[in-house]
Structures are given as structure tokens and as C-alpha cells.
Amino acid sequence: MSKTPRTRPRRQLQHREHQWIATEITIKLAVNGLLSMIAIVTLIKLLPYQFSQQQKLREVAVEVQETEKRVNELRDNFSRNFDPHQIKKVMEEQSPRVEPNQRRIFWLN
């Protein structure tokens, strides 16, 4: 049983095609693996930056809460100062004068 010249080149041609396909797949896997490694390293390098930004965000949020408290206090005080029903009380608190029918009391030790 001798091999015919026709089948031999066909098998070699198929073998070469399989080699090229295997080489192509190997190159694609290597390039994709390299890109994946670059992406992972880049993400690892970005983690400290993300943590610092989150810390700054927390600090800003705390400052915003403190400022909102202060604004609310000032708003309440503003409303109180310009409320016509409380003008007399505010004037008494801010002025050293006393109405004629009132007396000042000084506490002594």
C-alpha cells in the first residue's frame, strides 16, 4: 500500500493550515493576556487614588453638614430678629436699656 502522491500533499497542506490556525490562536491569546495584565496593573495603580478621593469626599460631606447646620441657625435667628411679635424681646436682649417699669437684678456671690 503505497501512498498516492495526491493524498500526501493534501495532508501536508491541511497540517500547515492547522499550524497557522494554532499559531494565530496562540498569538491572539498572548495579546489578550498582555492586555488583560496591563488593565489589571492599571486598576491596581488607580486604587490608592480612588481611596484618597473617597476620603476627600467624606471630608467635604462633613463640612457641608456643618455649614448646613450653621445656615439653619442663622436663618432661624434672622427670622426671629425680623418677626414683629418678638421685636421687643430681641431689643431687650441686645440693648442695655430696661423699660421703666422693670428693674435689673444683679446676682452676687
PDB file of N, CA and C in Angstrom:
ATOM      1  N   MET A   1       0.808  -1.170   0.000  1.00  0.00           N
ATOM      2  CA  MET A   1       0.000   0.000   0.000  1.00  0.00           C
ATOM      3  C   MET A   1       0.865   1.252   0.000  1.00  0.00           C
ATOM      4  N   SER A   2       1.052   1.713  -1.092  1.00  0.00           N
ATOM      5  CA  SER A   2       1.836   2.938  -1.209  1.00  0.00           C
ATOM      6  C   SER A   2       0.884   4.119  -1.258  1.00  0.00           C
ATOM      7  N   LYS A   3       1.369   5.213  -0.727  1.00  0.00           N
ATOM      8  CA  LYS A   3       0.538   6.412  -0.701  1.00  0.00           C
ATOM      9  C   LYS A   3       0.594   7.083  -2.057  1.00  0.00           C
ATOM     10  N   THR A   4      -0.521   7.524  -2.442  1.00  0.00           N
ATOM     11  CA  THR A   4      -0.571   8.193  -3.730  1.00  0.00           C
ATOM     12  C   THR A   4      -0.021   9.606  -3.563  1.00  0.00           C
ATOM     13  N   PRO A   5       0.578  10.132  -4.572  1.00  0.00           N
ATOM     14  CA  PRO A   5       1.147  11.466  -4.476  1.00  0.00           C
ATOM     15  C   PRO A   5       0.085  12.539  -4.223  1.00  0.00           C
ATOM     16  N   ARG A   6      -1.110  12.221  -4.538  1.00  0.00           N
ATOM     17  CA  ARG A   6      -2.166  13.205  -4.390  1.00  0.00           C
ATOM     18  C   ARG A   6      -2.563  13.409  -2.924  1.00  0.00           C
ATOM     19  N   THR A   7      -2.641  12.355  -2.119  1.00  0.00           N
ATOM     20  CA  THR A   7      -3.083  12.460  -0.738  1.00  0.00           C
ATOM     21  C   THR A   7      -1.995  13.049   0.150  1.00  0.00           C
ATOM     22  N   ARG A   8      -0.794  12.812  -0.200  1.00  0.00           N
ATOM     23  CA  ARG A   8       0.311  13.299   0.624  1.00  0.00           C
ATOM     24  C   ARG A   8       0.366  14.836   0.669  1.00  0.00           C
ATOM     25  N   PRO A   9       0.344  15.529  -0.460  1.00  0.00           N
ATOM     26  CA  PRO A   9       0.369  16.989  -0.393  1.00  0.00           C
ATOM     27  C   PRO A   9      -0.885  17.558   0.271  1.00  0.00           C
ATOM     28  N   ARG A  10      -2.009  16.889   0.092  1.00  0.00           N
ATOM     29  CA  ARG A  10      -3.239  17.381   0.703  1.00  0.00           C
ATOM     30  C   ARG A  10      -3.119  17.328   2.234  1.00  0.00           C
ATOM     31  N   ARG A  11      -2.573  16.265   2.770  1.00  0.00           N
ATOM     32  CA  ARG A  11      -2.391  16.151   4.212  1.00  0.00           C
ATOM     33  C   ARG A  11      -1.387  17.186   4.715  1.00  0.00           C
ATOM     34  N   GLN A  12      -0.324  17.399   3.961  1.00  0.00           N
ATOM     35  CA  GLN A  12       0.651  18.402   4.354  1.00  0.00           C
ATOM     36  C   GLN A  12       0.016  19.796   4.348  1.00  0.00           C
ATOM     37  N   LEU A  13      -0.798  20.048   3.342  1.00  0.00           N
ATOM     38  CA  LEU A  13      -1.486  21.336   3.252  1.00  0.00           C
ATOM     39  C   LEU A  13      -2.433  21.520   4.438  1.00  0.00           C
ATOM     40  N   GLN A  14      -3.176  20.479   4.791  1.00  0.00           N
ATOM     41  CA  GLN A  14      -4.068  20.549   5.949  1.00  0.00           C
ATOM     42  C   GLN A  14      -3.264  20.749   7.230  1.00  0.00           C
ATOM     43  N   HIS A  15      -2.135  20.059   7.322  1.00  0.00           N
ATOM     44  CA  HIS A  15      -1.287  20.181   8.505  1.00  0.00           C
ATOM     45  C   HIS A  15      -0.768  21.615   8.641  1.00  0.00           C
ATOM     46  N   ARG A  16      -0.363  22.225   7.534  1.00  0.00           N
ATOM     47  CA  ARG A  16       0.114  23.610   7.551  1.00  0.00           C
ATOM     48  C   ARG A  16      -1.019  24.565   7.941  1.00  0.00           C
ATOM     49  N   GLU A  17      -2.201  24.333   7.412  1.00  0.00           N
ATOM     50  CA  GLU A  17      -3.348  25.174   7.771  1.00  0.00           C
ATOM     51  C   GLU A  17      -3.638  25.074   9.267  1.00  0.00           C
ATOM     52  N   HIS A  18      -3.588  23.876   9.807  1.00  0.00           N
ATOM     53  CA  HIS A  18      -3.816  23.697  11.252  1.00  0.00           C
ATOM     54  C   HIS A  18      -2.727  24.397  12.048  1.00  0.00           C
ATOM     55  N   GLN A  19      -1.499  24.350  11.569  1.00  0.00           N
ATOM     56  CA  GLN A  19      -0.406  25.036  12.270  1.00  0.00           C
ATOM     57  C   GLN A  19      -0.633  26.542  12.270  1.00  0.00           C
ATOM     58  N   TRP A  20      -1.053  27.097  11.142  1.00  0.00           N
ATOM     59  CA  TRP A  20      -1.312  28.528  11.071  1.00  0.00           C
ATOM     60  C   TRP A  20      -2.460  28.932  11.997  1.00  0.00           C
ATOM     61  N   ILE A  21      -3.481  28.115  12.016  1.00  0.00           N
ATOM     62  CA  ILE A  21      -4.624  28.402  12.896  1.00  0.00           C
ATOM     63  C   ILE A  21      -4.177  28.346  14.355  1.00  0.00           C
ATOM     64  N   ALA A  22      -3.389  27.350  14.707  1.00  0.00           N
ATOM     65  CA  ALA A  22      -2.897  27.228  16.083  1.00  0.00           C
ATOM     66  C   ALA A  22      -1.992  28.398  16.429  1.00  0.00           C
ATOM     67  N   THR A  23      -1.139  28.811  15.500  1.00  0.00           N
ATOM     68  CA  THR A  23      -0.262  29.963  15.723  1.00  0.00           C
ATOM     69  C   THR A  23      -1.086  31.235  15.901  1.00  0.00           C
ATOM     70  N   GLU A  24      -2.096  31.410  15.072  1.00  0.00           N
ATOM     71  CA  GLU A  24      -2.957  32.590  15.166  1.00  0.00           C
ATOM     72  C   GLU A  24      -3.678  32.636  16.521  1.00  0.00           C
ATOM     73  N   ILE A  25      -4.204  31.495  16.935  1.00  0.00           N
ATOM     74  CA  ILE A  25      -4.900  31.430  18.226  1.00  0.00           C
ATOM     75  C   ILE A  25      -3.931  31.730  19.366  1.00  0.00           C
ATOM     76  N   THR A  26      -2.704  31.183  19.269  1.00  0.00           N
ATOM     77  CA  THR A  26      -1.703  31.421  20.306  1.00  0.00           C
ATOM     78  C   THR A  26      -1.352  32.906  20.382  1.00  0.00           C
ATOM     79  N   ILE A  27      -1.174  33.540  19.237  1.00  0.00           N
ATOM     80  CA  ILE A  27      -0.852  34.973  19.220  1.00  0.00           C
ATOM     81  C   ILE A  27      -2.014  35.782  19.790  1.00  0.00           C
ATOM     82  N   LYS A  28      -3.236  35.456  19.418  1.00  0.00           N
ATOM     83  CA  LYS A  28      -4.408  36.172  19.953  1.00  0.00           C
ATOM     84  C   LYS A  28      -4.494  36.017  21.464  1.00  0.00           C
ATOM     85  N   LEU A  29      -4.268  34.804  21.962  1.00  0.00           N
ATOM     86  CA  LEU A  29      -4.307  34.580  23.407  1.00  0.00           C
ATOM     87  C   LEU A  29      -3.213  35.371  24.114  1.00  0.00           C
ATOM     88  N   ALA A  30      -2.024  35.396  23.519  1.00  0.00           N
ATOM     89  CA  ALA A  30      -0.925  36.139  24.141  1.00  0.00           C
ATOM     90  C   ALA A  30      -1.218  37.634  24.192  1.00  0.00           C
ATOM     91  N   VAL A  31      -1.734  38.187  23.083  1.00  0.00           N
ATOM     92  CA  VAL A  31      -2.057  39.622  23.049  1.00  0.00           C
ATOM     93  C   VAL A  31      -3.179  39.933  24.032  1.00  0.00           C
ATOM     94  N   ASN A  32      -4.215  39.130  24.064  1.00  0.00           N
ATOM     95  CA  ASN A  32      -5.317  39.352  25.012  1.00  0.00           C
ATOM     96  C   ASN A  32      -4.844  39.202  26.458  1.00  0.00           C
ATOM     97  N   GLY A  33      -3.981  38.246  26.709  1.00  0.00           N
ATOM     98  CA  GLY A  33      -3.430  38.089  28.059  1.00  0.00           C
ATOM     99  C   GLY A  33      -2.609  39.298  28.459  1.00  0.00           C
ATOM    100  N   LEU A  34      -1.791  39.812  27.539  1.00  0.00           N
ATOM    101  CA  LEU A  34      -0.992  41.009  27.818  1.00  0.00           C
ATOM    102  C   LEU A  34      -1.889  42.211  28.094  1.00  0.00           C
ATOM    103  N   LEU A  35      -2.922  42.390  27.277  1.00  0.00           N
ATOM    104  CA  LEU A  35      -3.855  43.494  27.504  1.00  0.00           C
ATOM    105  C   LEU A  35      -4.577  43.353  28.842  1.00  0.00           C
ATOM    106  N   SER A  36      -4.933  42.138  29.205  1.00  0.00           N
ATOM    107  CA  SER A  36      -5.586  41.908  30.494  1.00  0.00           C
ATOM    108  C   SER A  36      -4.654  42.250  31.643  1.00  0.00           C
ATOM    109  N   MET A  37      -3.401  41.864  31.526  1.00  0.00           N
ATOM    110  CA  MET A  37      -2.428  42.166  32.582  1.00  0.00           C
ATOM    111  C   MET A  37      -2.220  43.681  32.714  1.00  0.00           C
ATOM    112  N   ILE A  38      -2.143  44.370  31.587  1.00  0.00           N
ATOM    113  CA  ILE A  38      -1.989  45.826  31.618  1.00  0.00           C
ATOM    114  C   ILE A  38      -3.202  46.462  32.294  1.00  0.00           C
ATOM    115  N   ALA A  39      -4.394  45.981  31.978  1.00  0.00           N
ATOM    116  CA  ALA A  39      -5.606  46.525  32.593  1.00  0.00           C
ATOM    117  C   ALA A  39      -5.616  46.282  34.102  1.00  0.00           C
ATOM    118  N   ILE A  40      -5.213  45.100  34.524  1.00  0.00           N
ATOM    119  CA  ILE A  40      -5.194  44.777  35.959  1.00  0.00           C
ATOM    120  C   ILE A  40      -4.181  45.646  36.686  1.00  0.00           C
ATOM    121  N   VAL A  41      -2.988  45.806  36.118  1.00  0.00           N
ATOM    122  CA  VAL A  41      -1.962  46.641  36.754  1.00  0.00           C
ATOM    123  C   VAL A  41      -2.437  48.087  36.842  1.00  0.00           C
ATOM    124  N   THR A  42      -3.078  48.572  35.792  1.00  0.00           N
ATOM    125  CA  THR A  42      -3.584  49.945  35.803  1.00  0.00           C
ATOM    126  C   THR A  42      -4.650  50.124  36.878  1.00  0.00           C
ATOM    127  N   LEU A  43      -5.552  49.167  37.016  1.00  0.00           N
ATOM    128  CA  LEU A  43      -6.579  49.250  38.062  1.00  0.00           C
ATOM    129  C   LEU A  43      -5.956  49.231  39.449  1.00  0.00           C
ATOM    130  N   ILE A  44      -4.947  48.415  39.641  1.00  0.00           N
ATOM    131  CA  ILE A  44      -4.282  48.349  40.942  1.00  0.00           C
ATOM    132  C   ILE A  44      -3.610  49.682  41.262  1.00  0.00           C
ATOM    133  N   LYS A  45      -3.030  50.315  40.243  1.00  0.00           N
ATOM    134  CA  LYS A  45      -2.392  51.619  40.470  1.00  0.00           C
ATOM    135  C   LYS A  45      -3.419  52.699  40.767  1.00  0.00           C
ATOM    136  N   LEU A  46      -4.647  52.551  40.270  1.00  0.00           N
ATOM    137  CA  LEU A  46      -5.684  53.563  40.488  1.00  0.00           C
ATOM    138  C   LEU A  46      -6.372  53.438  41.849  1.00  0.00           C
ATOM    139  N   LEU A  47      -6.249  52.314  42.519  1.00  0.00           N
ATOM    140  CA  LEU A  47      -6.931  52.119  43.801  1.00  0.00           C
ATOM    141  C   LEU A  47      -6.545  53.163  44.851  1.00  0.00           C
ATOM    142  N   PRO A  48      -5.249  53.462  45.081  1.00  0.00           N
ATOM    143  CA  PRO A  48      -4.931  54.490  46.087  1.00  0.00           C
ATOM    144  C   PRO A  48      -5.548  55.847  45.754  1.00  0.00           C
ATOM    145  N   TYR A  49      -5.574  56.207  44.486  1.00  0.00           N
ATOM    146  CA  TYR A  49      -6.178  57.474  44.083  1.00  0.00           C
ATOM    147  C   TYR A  49      -7.674  57.480  44.412  1.00  0.00           C
ATOM    148  N   GLN A  50      -8.342  56.365  44.159  1.00  0.00           N
ATOM    149  CA  GLN A  50      -9.771  56.282  44.465  1.00  0.00           C
ATOM    150  C   GLN A  50     -10.008  56.410  45.969  1.00  0.00           C
ATOM    151  N   PHE A  51      -9.170  55.755  46.772  1.00  0.00           N
ATOM    152  CA  PHE A  51      -9.336  55.838  48.219  1.00  0.00           C
ATOM    153  C   PHE A  51      -9.127  57.273  48.710  1.00  0.00           C
ATOM    154  N   SER A  52      -8.131  57.970  48.170  1.00  0.00           N
ATOM    155  CA  SER A  52      -7.906  59.349  48.597  1.00  0.00           C
ATOM    156  C   SER A  52      -9.070  60.240  48.177  1.00  0.00           C
ATOM    157  N   GLN A  53      -9.630  60.013  47.000  1.00  0.00           N
ATOM    158  CA  GLN A  53     -10.770  60.807  46.560  1.00  0.00           C
ATOM    159  C   GLN A  53     -12.001  60.545  47.423  1.00  0.00           C
ATOM    160  N   GLN A  54     -12.192  59.295  47.836  1.00  0.00           N
ATOM    161  CA  GLN A  54     -13.313  58.984  48.727  1.00  0.00           C
ATOM    162  C   GLN A  54     -13.136  59.665  50.073  1.00  0.00           C
ATOM    163  N   GLN A  55     -11.899  59.712  50.582  1.00  0.00           N
ATOM    164  CA  GLN A  55     -11.635  60.386  51.853  1.00  0.00           C
ATOM    165  C   GLN A  55     -11.939  61.878  51.730  1.00  0.00           C
ATOM    166  N   LYS A  56     -11.498  62.495  50.635  1.00  0.00           N
ATOM    167  CA  LYS A  56     -11.793  63.916  50.423  1.00  0.00           C
ATOM    168  C   LYS A  56     -13.291  64.150  50.319  1.00  0.00           C
ATOM    169  N   LEU A  57     -13.990  63.252  49.662  1.00  0.00           N
ATOM    170  CA  LEU A  57     -15.441  63.379  49.532  1.00  0.00           C
ATOM    171  C   LEU A  57     -16.116  63.310  50.901  1.00  0.00           C
ATOM    172  N   ARG A  58     -15.639  62.396  51.765  1.00  0.00           N
ATOM    173  CA  ARG A  58     -16.203  62.312  53.116  1.00  0.00           C
ATOM    174  C   ARG A  58     -15.958  63.606  53.890  1.00  0.00           C
ATOM    175  N   GLU A  59     -14.744  64.178  53.756  1.00  0.00           N
ATOM    176  CA  GLU A  59     -14.442  65.429  54.439  1.00  0.00           C
ATOM    177  C   GLU A  59     -15.348  66.550  53.950  1.00  0.00           C
ATOM    178  N   VAL A  60     -15.550  66.619  52.645  1.00  0.00           N
ATOM    179  CA  VAL A  60     -16.425  67.656  52.090  1.00  0.00           C
ATOM    180  C   VAL A  60     -17.856  67.455  52.573  1.00  0.00           C
ATOM    181  N   ALA A  61     -18.302  66.205  52.659  1.00  0.00           N
ATOM    182  CA  ALA A  61     -19.663  65.941  53.131  1.00  0.00           C
ATOM    183  C   ALA A  61     -19.830  66.399  54.580  1.00  0.00           C
ATOM    184  N   VAL A  62     -18.815  66.174  55.417  1.00  0.00           N
ATOM    185  CA  VAL A  62     -18.878  66.616  56.812  1.00  0.00           C
ATOM    186  C   VAL A  62     -18.935  68.141  56.866  1.00  0.00           C
ATOM    187  N   GLU A  63     -18.111  68.799  56.055  1.00  0.00           N
ATOM    188  CA  GLU A  63     -18.126  70.263  56.032  1.00  0.00           C
ATOM    189  C   GLU A  63     -19.472  70.796  55.554  1.00  0.00           C
ATOM    190  N   VAL A  64     -20.073  70.128  54.585  1.00  0.00           N
ATOM    191  CA  VAL A  64     -21.387  70.555  54.088  1.00  0.00           C
ATOM    192  C   VAL A  64     -22.434  70.428  55.198  1.00  0.00           C
ATOM    193  N   GLN A  65     -22.389  69.343  55.953  1.00  0.00           N
ATOM    194  CA  GLN A  65     -23.345  69.175  57.052  1.00  0.00           C
ATOM    195  C   GLN A  65     -23.170  70.272  58.101  1.00  0.00           C
ATOM    196  N   GLU A  66     -21.907  70.579  58.451  1.00  0.00           N
ATOM    197  CA  GLU A  66     -21.661  71.632  59.440  1.00  0.00           C
ATOM    198  C   GLU A  66     -22.151  72.986  58.921  1.00  0.00           C
ATOM    199  N   THR A  67     -21.900  73.252  57.651  1.00  0.00           N
ATOM    200  CA  THR A  67     -22.330  74.522  57.064  1.00  0.00           C
ATOM    201  C   THR A  67     -23.851  74.601  57.010  1.00  0.00           C
ATOM    202  N   GLU A  68     -24.507  73.491  56.696  1.00  0.00           N
ATOM    203  CA  GLU A  68     -25.974  73.487  56.681  1.00  0.00           C
ATOM    204  C   GLU A  68     -26.531  73.762  58.069  1.00  0.00           C
ATOM    205  N   LYS A  69     -25.916  73.196  59.106  1.00  0.00           N
ATOM    206  CA  LYS A  69     -26.368  73.485  60.476  1.00  0.00           C
ATOM    207  C   LYS A  69     -26.236  74.971  60.775  1.00  0.00           C
ATOM    208  N   ARG A  70     -25.081  75.536  60.403  1.00  0.00           N
ATOM    209  CA  ARG A  70     -24.847  76.957  60.681  1.00  0.00           C
ATOM    210  C   ARG A  70     -25.833  77.827  59.900  1.00  0.00           C
ATOM    211  N   VAL A  71     -26.082  77.485  58.650  1.00  0.00           N
ATOM    212  CA  VAL A  71     -27.033  78.252  57.833  1.00  0.00           C
ATOM    213  C   VAL A  71     -28.433  78.172  58.444  1.00  0.00           C
ATOM    214  N   ASN A  72     -28.830  77.001  58.891  1.00  0.00           N
ATOM    215  CA  ASN A  72     -30.149  76.868  59.524  1.00  0.00           C
ATOM    216  C   ASN A  72     -30.246  77.705  60.790  1.00  0.00           C
ATOM    217  N   GLU A  73     -29.183  77.707  61.595  1.00  0.00           N
ATOM    218  CA  GLU A  73     -29.190  78.538  62.814  1.00  0.00           C
ATOM    219  C   GLU A  73     -29.302  80.017  62.448  1.00  0.00           C
ATOM    220  N   LEU A  74     -28.510  80.445  61.454  1.00  0.00           N
ATOM    221  CA  LEU A  74     -28.560  81.854  61.043  1.00  0.00           C
ATOM    222  C   LEU A  74     -29.924  82.210  60.450  1.00  0.00           C
ATOM    223  N   ARG A  75     -30.514  81.281  59.721  1.00  0.00           N
ATOM    224  CA  ARG A  75     -31.834  81.530  59.139  1.00  0.00           C
ATOM    225  C   ARG A  75     -32.886  81.671  60.244  1.00  0.00           C
ATOM    226  N   ASP A  76     -32.793  80.793  61.241  1.00  0.00           N
ATOM    227  CA  ASP A  76     -33.740  80.893  62.359  1.00  0.00           C
ATOM    228  C   ASP A  76     -33.553  82.206  63.107  1.00  0.00           C
ATOM    229  N   ASN A  77     -32.296  82.579  63.326  1.00  0.00           N
ATOM    230  CA  ASN A  77     -32.005  83.826  64.029  1.00  0.00           C
ATOM    231  C   ASN A  77     -32.488  85.020  63.204  1.00  0.00           C
ATOM    232  N   PHE A  78     -32.299  84.963  61.910  1.00  0.00           N
ATOM    233  CA  PHE A  78     -32.764  86.033  61.032  1.00  0.00           C
ATOM    234  C   PHE A  78     -34.283  86.158  61.113  1.00  0.00           C
ATOM    235  N   SER A  79     -34.962  85.032  61.039  1.00  0.00           N
ATOM    236  CA  SER A  79     -36.431  85.060  61.121  1.00  0.00           C
ATOM    237  C   SER A  79     -36.888  85.619  62.466  1.00  0.00           C
ATOM    238  N   ARG A  80     -36.193  85.230  63.505  1.00  0.00           N
ATOM    239  CA  ARG A  80     -36.556  85.703  64.850  1.00  0.00           C
ATOM    240  C   ARG A  80     -36.332  87.207  64.964  1.00  0.00           C
ATOM    241  N   ASN A  81     -35.233  87.716  64.425  1.00  0.00           N
ATOM    242  CA  ASN A  81     -34.925  89.141  64.532  1.00  0.00           C
ATOM    243  C   ASN A  81     -35.922  90.009  63.769  1.00  0.00           C
ATOM    244  N   PHE A  82     -36.507  89.472  62.726  1.00  0.00           N
ATOM    245  CA  PHE A  82     -37.433  90.277  61.938  1.00  0.00           C
ATOM    246  C   PHE A  82     -38.893  89.866  62.136  1.00  0.00           C
ATOM    247  N   ASP A  83     -39.140  89.074  63.158  1.00  0.00           N
ATOM    248  CA  ASP A  83     -40.514  88.702  63.483  1.00  0.00           C
ATOM    249  C   ASP A  83     -41.122  89.836  64.307  1.00  0.00           C
ATOM    250  N   PRO A  84     -42.235  90.420  63.850  1.00  0.00           N
ATOM    251  CA  PRO A  84     -42.807  91.564  64.573  1.00  0.00           C
ATOM    252  C   PRO A  84     -43.280  91.216  65.980  1.00  0.00           C
ATOM    253  N   HIS A  85     -43.595  89.960  66.245  1.00  0.00           N
ATOM    254  CA  HIS A  85     -44.069  89.584  67.571  1.00  0.00           C
ATOM    255  C   HIS A  85     -42.924  89.450  68.577  1.00  0.00           C
ATOM    256  N   GLN A  86     -41.707  89.302  68.087  1.00  0.00           N
ATOM    257  CA  GLN A  86     -40.581  89.097  69.000  1.00  0.00           C
ATOM    258  C   GLN A  86     -39.611  90.276  69.021  1.00  0.00           C
ATOM    259  N   ILE A  87     -39.963  91.367  68.394  1.00  0.00           N
ATOM    260  CA  ILE A  87     -39.050  92.511  68.331  1.00  0.00           C
ATOM    261  C   ILE A  87     -38.731  93.039  69.721  1.00  0.00           C
ATOM    262  N   LYS A  88     -39.707  93.091  70.569  1.00  0.00           N
ATOM    263  CA  LYS A  88     -39.493  93.633  71.909  1.00  0.00           C
ATOM    264  C   LYS A  88     -38.502  92.764  72.683  1.00  0.00           C
ATOM    265  N   LYS A  89     -38.660  91.473  72.597  1.00  0.00           N
ATOM    266  CA  LYS A  89     -37.762  90.557  73.298  1.00  0.00           C
ATOM    267  C   LYS A  89     -36.334  90.665  72.757  1.00  0.00           C
ATOM    268  N   VAL A  90     -36.189  90.775  71.457  1.00  0.00           N
ATOM    269  CA  VAL A  90     -34.863  90.892  70.841  1.00  0.00           C
ATOM    270  C   VAL A  90     -34.213  92.199  71.254  1.00  0.00           C
ATOM    271  N   MET A  91     -34.981  93.255  71.271  1.00  0.00           N
ATOM    272  CA  MET A  91     -34.435  94.554  71.689  1.00  0.00           C
ATOM    273  C   MET A  91     -33.963  94.489  73.139  1.00  0.00           C
ATOM    274  N   GLU A  92     -34.696  93.830  74.003  1.00  0.00           N
ATOM    275  CA  GLU A  92     -34.284  93.693  75.397  1.00  0.00           C
ATOM    276  C   GLU A  92     -32.980  92.916  75.522  1.00  0.00           C
ATOM    277  N   GLU A  93     -32.839  91.868  74.705  1.00  0.00           N
ATOM    278  CA  GLU A  93     -31.634  91.044  74.763  1.00  0.00           C
ATOM    279  C   GLU A  93     -30.405  91.808  74.266  1.00  0.00           C
ATOM    280  N   GLN A  94     -30.600  92.647  73.254  1.00  0.00           N
ATOM    281  CA  GLN A  94     -29.460  93.303  72.625  1.00  0.00           C
ATOM    282  C   GLN A  94     -29.188  94.706  73.163  1.00  0.00           C
ATOM    283  N   SER A  95     -30.041  95.245  73.939  1.00  0.00           N
ATOM    284  CA  SER A  95     -29.863  96.606  74.444  1.00  0.00           C
ATOM    285  C   SER A  95     -29.627  96.575  75.956  1.00  0.00           C
ATOM    286  N   PRO A  96     -28.782  97.459  76.443  1.00  0.00           N
ATOM    287  CA  PRO A  96     -28.585  97.526  77.901  1.00  0.00           C
ATOM    288  C   PRO A  96     -29.711  98.265  78.612  1.00  0.00           C
ATOM    289  N   ARG A  97     -30.570  98.892  77.885  1.00  0.00           N
ATOM    290  CA  ARG A  97     -31.673  99.655  78.493  1.00  0.00           C
ATOM    291  C   ARG A  97     -32.767  98.707  78.961  1.00  0.00           C
ATOM    292  N   VAL A  98     -33.479  99.192  79.963  1.00  0.00           N
ATOM    293  CA  VAL A  98     -34.578  98.417  80.521  1.00  0.00           C
ATOM    294  C   VAL A  98     -35.806  99.323  80.536  1.00  0.00           C
ATOM    295  N   GLU A  99     -36.935  98.733  80.397  1.00  0.00           N
ATOM    296  CA  GLU A  99     -38.160  99.521  80.451  1.00  0.00           C
ATOM    297  C   GLU A  99     -38.295 100.144  81.841  1.00  0.00           C
ATOM    298  N   PRO A 100     -38.971 101.283  81.916  1.00  0.00           N
ATOM    299  CA  PRO A 100     -39.089 101.981  83.217  1.00  0.00           C
ATOM    300  C   PRO A 100     -39.786 101.162  84.296  1.00  0.00           C
ATOM    301  N   ASN A 101     -40.671 100.293  83.949  1.00  0.00           N
ATOM    302  CA  ASN A 101     -41.385  99.528  84.968  1.00  0.00           C
ATOM    303  C   ASN A 101     -40.645  98.241  85.353  1.00  0.00           C
ATOM    304  N   GLN A 102     -39.430  98.034  84.842  1.00  0.00           N
ATOM    305  CA  GLN A 102     -38.647  96.847  85.187  1.00  0.00           C
ATOM    306  C   GLN A 102     -37.404  97.253  85.945  1.00  0.00           C
ATOM    307  N   ARG A 103     -36.875  96.317  86.714  1.00  0.00           N
ATOM    308  CA  ARG A 103     -35.640  96.546  87.449  1.00  0.00           C
ATOM    309  C   ARG A 103     -34.642  95.468  87.094  1.00  0.00           C
ATOM    310  N   ARG A 104     -33.390  95.860  87.083  1.00  0.00           N
ATOM    311  CA  ARG A 104     -32.330  94.883  86.834  1.00  0.00           C
ATOM    312  C   ARG A 104     -31.985  94.182  88.143  1.00  0.00           C
ATOM    313  N   ILE A 105     -31.678  92.933  87.997  1.00  0.00           N
ATOM    314  CA  ILE A 105     -31.260  92.140  89.167  1.00  0.00           C
ATOM    315  C   ILE A 105     -29.813  91.701  88.916  1.00  0.00           C
ATOM    316  N   PHE A 106     -28.965  91.958  89.895  1.00  0.00           N
ATOM    317  CA  PHE A 106     -27.565  91.545  89.806  1.00  0.00           C
ATOM    318  C   PHE A 106     -27.330  90.495  90.867  1.00  0.00           C
ATOM    319  N   TRP A 107     -26.830  89.367  90.480  1.00  0.00           N
ATOM    320  CA  TRP A 107     -26.559  88.281  91.410  1.00  0.00           C
ATOM    321  C   TRP A 107     -25.141  88.441  91.961  1.00  0.00           C
ATOM    322  N   LEU A 108     -24.998  88.297  93.232  1.00  0.00           N
ATOM    323  CA  LEU A 108     -23.694  88.407  93.908  1.00  0.00           C
ATOM    324  C   LEU A 108     -23.352  87.073  94.551  1.00  0.00           C
ATOM    325  N   ASN A 109     -22.052  86.803  94.590  1.00  0.00           N
ATOM    326  CA  ASN A 109     -21.611  85.564  95.257  1.00  0.00           C
ATOM    327  C   ASN A 109     -21.562  85.768  96.756  1.00  0.00           C
TER     328      ASN A 109
END
